[in-house]
Amino acid sequence: MNKIVLAISIWLCCHAAWAKDAAQAVQDMQGVSDTDPNGFKWMVVCIGLLFFIATSLIVATIVYGIKKKK
C-alpha cells in the first residue's frame, strides 16, 4: 500500500513540471476574451462572486468564533 501512495505522490510532484508558462496562460485567456468577450466577462464576474462569498464565510466564521469565546 505504501508503494502505491509513494508512486502516486511522486507522479503528482512531477506533474507540476508540465504546467504552462505564465505568458502562455495569459495568451490563452486573451484569446478567450477575443473570441467570446461576454463569456469572459461573466467568467470574471462569477469568479469574483465566488471569491467574495468564500471570503465573507471565512470572516463570518472567525467573527463567530471570537464572539463565542467571550
N, C-alpha and C. Protein backbone atom coordinates (compact mmCIF):
# COMPACT_ATOMS: atom_id res chain seq x y z
N MET A 1 0.83 -1.20 0.00
CA MET A 1 0.00 0.00 0.00
C MET A 1 0.87 1.25 0.00
N ASN A 2 1.93 1.24 0.79
CA ASN A 2 2.79 2.42 0.87
C ASN A 2 3.49 2.69 -0.45
N LYS A 3 3.80 1.62 -1.21
CA LYS A 3 4.45 1.81 -2.51
C LYS A 3 3.52 2.50 -3.48
N ILE A 4 2.25 2.18 -3.41
CA ILE A 4 1.28 2.82 -4.30
C ILE A 4 1.15 4.30 -3.96
N VAL A 5 1.08 4.61 -2.67
CA VAL A 5 0.97 6.00 -2.24
C VAL A 5 2.22 6.77 -2.64
N LEU A 6 3.39 6.14 -2.48
CA LEU A 6 4.65 6.79 -2.86
C LEU A 6 4.69 7.04 -4.37
N ALA A 7 4.27 6.08 -5.16
CA ALA A 7 4.28 6.24 -6.61
C ALA A 7 3.33 7.35 -7.04
N ILE A 8 2.15 7.42 -6.43
CA ILE A 8 1.20 8.48 -6.77
C ILE A 8 1.75 9.84 -6.35
N SER A 9 2.39 9.92 -5.20
CA SER A 9 2.96 11.18 -4.72
C SER A 9 4.06 11.67 -5.65
N ILE A 10 4.92 10.76 -6.08
CA ILE A 10 6.00 11.14 -7.00
C ILE A 10 5.41 11.60 -8.33
N TRP A 11 4.40 10.88 -8.81
CA TRP A 11 3.78 11.26 -10.08
C TRP A 11 3.15 12.65 -9.99
N LEU A 12 2.47 12.94 -8.86
CA LEU A 12 1.84 14.25 -8.70
C LEU A 12 2.87 15.36 -8.56
N CYS A 13 3.98 15.08 -7.90
CA CYS A 13 5.04 16.09 -7.76
C CYS A 13 5.66 16.42 -9.12
N CYS A 14 5.86 15.43 -9.94
CA CYS A 14 6.46 15.66 -11.26
C CYS A 14 5.44 16.23 -12.23
N HIS A 15 4.18 16.06 -11.96
CA HIS A 15 3.13 16.54 -12.86
C HIS A 15 3.13 18.06 -12.95
N ALA A 16 3.51 18.75 -11.90
CA ALA A 16 3.51 20.22 -11.91
C ALA A 16 4.55 20.76 -12.88
N ALA A 17 5.57 19.99 -13.21
CA ALA A 17 6.60 20.45 -14.13
C ALA A 17 6.06 20.60 -15.55
N TRP A 18 4.91 20.04 -15.85
CA TRP A 18 4.33 20.13 -17.18
C TRP A 18 3.38 21.32 -17.30
N ALA A 19 3.33 22.18 -16.32
CA ALA A 19 2.43 23.33 -16.36
C ALA A 19 2.90 24.33 -17.42
N LYS A 20 1.98 25.15 -17.86
CA LYS A 20 2.30 26.16 -18.87
C LYS A 20 3.06 27.31 -18.24
N ASP A 21 3.74 28.05 -19.09
CA ASP A 21 4.35 29.31 -18.68
C ASP A 21 3.24 30.31 -18.35
N ALA A 22 3.56 31.29 -17.55
CA ALA A 22 2.57 32.32 -17.24
C ALA A 22 2.18 33.09 -18.50
N ALA A 23 3.15 33.32 -19.37
CA ALA A 23 2.86 34.06 -20.61
C ALA A 23 1.90 33.27 -21.50
N GLN A 24 2.05 31.95 -21.56
CA GLN A 24 1.14 31.14 -22.36
C GLN A 24 -0.26 31.14 -21.78
N ALA A 25 -0.36 31.10 -20.44
CA ALA A 25 -1.68 31.13 -19.80
C ALA A 25 -2.38 32.46 -20.06
N VAL A 26 -1.63 33.56 -19.99
CA VAL A 26 -2.21 34.87 -20.25
C VAL A 26 -2.62 34.98 -21.72
N GLN A 27 -1.82 34.40 -22.60
CA GLN A 27 -2.15 34.43 -24.04
C GLN A 27 -3.44 33.65 -24.29
N ASP A 28 -3.60 32.51 -23.62
CA ASP A 28 -4.84 31.74 -23.76
C ASP A 28 -6.05 32.53 -23.27
N MET A 29 -5.91 33.20 -22.14
CA MET A 29 -7.01 33.99 -21.61
C MET A 29 -7.33 35.17 -22.55
N GLN A 30 -6.30 35.75 -23.16
CA GLN A 30 -6.53 36.84 -24.11
C GLN A 30 -7.28 36.31 -25.33
N GLY A 31 -6.94 35.11 -25.76
CA GLY A 31 -7.64 34.51 -26.88
C GLY A 31 -9.11 34.26 -26.57
N VAL A 32 -9.39 33.81 -25.37
CA VAL A 32 -10.77 33.59 -24.96
C VAL A 32 -11.54 34.90 -24.90
N SER A 33 -10.90 35.93 -24.38
CA SER A 33 -11.60 37.22 -24.29
C SER A 33 -11.83 37.83 -25.67
N ASP A 34 -10.98 37.48 -26.64
CA ASP A 34 -11.19 37.99 -28.00
C ASP A 34 -12.31 37.24 -28.72
N THR A 35 -12.36 35.92 -28.55
CA THR A 35 -13.37 35.13 -29.27
C THR A 35 -14.75 35.20 -28.63
N ASP A 36 -14.81 35.30 -27.30
CA ASP A 36 -16.10 35.35 -26.60
C ASP A 36 -16.01 36.36 -25.46
N PRO A 37 -16.09 37.65 -25.78
CA PRO A 37 -15.90 38.67 -24.73
C PRO A 37 -16.95 38.63 -23.63
N ASN A 38 -18.21 38.35 -23.97
CA ASN A 38 -19.25 38.31 -22.93
C ASN A 38 -19.05 37.12 -22.00
N GLY A 39 -18.67 35.98 -22.56
CA GLY A 39 -18.41 34.81 -21.73
C GLY A 39 -17.24 35.05 -20.79
N PHE A 40 -16.22 35.74 -21.29
CA PHE A 40 -15.06 36.04 -20.45
C PHE A 40 -15.45 36.98 -19.31
N LYS A 41 -16.27 37.98 -19.63
CA LYS A 41 -16.71 38.93 -18.58
C LYS A 41 -17.54 38.21 -17.52
N TRP A 42 -18.44 37.31 -17.95
CA TRP A 42 -19.24 36.57 -16.98
C TRP A 42 -18.38 35.63 -16.15
N MET A 43 -17.34 35.06 -16.76
CA MET A 43 -16.44 34.20 -16.00
C MET A 43 -15.73 35.01 -14.91
N VAL A 44 -15.26 36.19 -15.25
CA VAL A 44 -14.59 37.04 -14.26
C VAL A 44 -15.56 37.45 -13.16
N VAL A 45 -16.79 37.79 -13.52
CA VAL A 45 -17.80 38.17 -12.53
C VAL A 45 -18.10 36.99 -11.60
N CYS A 46 -18.26 35.80 -12.15
CA CYS A 46 -18.58 34.63 -11.33
C CYS A 46 -17.43 34.26 -10.41
N ILE A 47 -16.20 34.33 -10.91
CA ILE A 47 -15.05 34.04 -10.05
C ILE A 47 -14.95 35.07 -8.94
N GLY A 48 -15.19 36.33 -9.27
CA GLY A 48 -15.18 37.38 -8.23
C GLY A 48 -16.26 37.16 -7.19
N LEU A 49 -17.44 36.74 -7.64
CA LEU A 49 -18.54 36.46 -6.72
C LEU A 49 -18.20 35.29 -5.80
N LEU A 50 -17.63 34.23 -6.37
CA LEU A 50 -17.22 33.08 -5.55
C LEU A 50 -16.16 33.48 -4.53
N PHE A 51 -15.21 34.31 -4.95
CA PHE A 51 -14.17 34.79 -4.03
C PHE A 51 -14.79 35.61 -2.91
N PHE A 52 -15.73 36.49 -3.25
CA PHE A 52 -16.39 37.32 -2.24
C PHE A 52 -17.17 36.46 -1.24
N ILE A 53 -17.91 35.48 -1.73
CA ILE A 53 -18.70 34.62 -0.85
C ILE A 53 -17.79 33.80 0.06
N ALA A 54 -16.73 33.23 -0.51
CA ALA A 54 -15.81 32.43 0.30
C ALA A 54 -15.14 33.29 1.37
N THR A 55 -14.70 34.49 0.99
CA THR A 55 -14.06 35.39 1.95
C THR A 55 -15.04 35.81 3.04
N SER A 56 -16.28 36.10 2.67
CA SER A 56 -17.25 36.52 3.69
C SER A 56 -17.58 35.36 4.64
N LEU A 57 -17.63 34.13 4.13
CA LEU A 57 -17.87 32.99 5.02
C LEU A 57 -16.71 32.78 5.99
N ILE A 58 -15.50 32.96 5.51
CA ILE A 58 -14.33 32.82 6.39
C ILE A 58 -14.36 33.90 7.46
N VAL A 59 -14.64 35.14 7.07
CA VAL A 59 -14.68 36.24 8.04
C VAL A 59 -15.81 36.02 9.04
N ALA A 60 -16.98 35.59 8.57
CA ALA A 60 -18.10 35.35 9.48
C ALA A 60 -17.77 34.24 10.47
N THR A 61 -17.09 33.20 10.03
CA THR A 61 -16.71 32.11 10.93
C THR A 61 -15.72 32.60 11.98
N ILE A 62 -14.76 33.41 11.57
CA ILE A 62 -13.78 33.94 12.52
C ILE A 62 -14.46 34.86 13.53
N VAL A 63 -15.33 35.73 13.07
CA VAL A 63 -16.05 36.64 13.98
C VAL A 63 -16.91 35.84 14.94
N TYR A 64 -17.60 34.82 14.46
CA TYR A 64 -18.43 33.99 15.32
C TYR A 64 -17.58 33.27 16.37
N GLY A 65 -16.40 32.79 15.95
CA GLY A 65 -15.51 32.12 16.90
C GLY A 65 -14.97 33.06 17.96
N ILE A 66 -14.69 34.29 17.58
CA ILE A 66 -14.16 35.27 18.55
C ILE A 66 -15.26 35.68 19.53
N LYS A 67 -16.48 35.90 19.04
CA LYS A 67 -17.57 36.32 19.92
C LYS A 67 -17.98 35.17 20.85
N LYS A 68 -17.87 33.95 20.43
CA LYS A 68 -18.28 32.83 21.25
C LYS A 68 -17.36 32.61 22.44
N LYS A 69 -16.08 32.97 22.32
CA LYS A 69 -15.12 32.78 23.40
C LYS A 69 -15.37 33.69 24.58
N LYS A 70 -16.00 34.83 24.39
CA LYS A 70 -16.18 35.80 25.48
C LYS A 70 -17.16 35.33 26.50
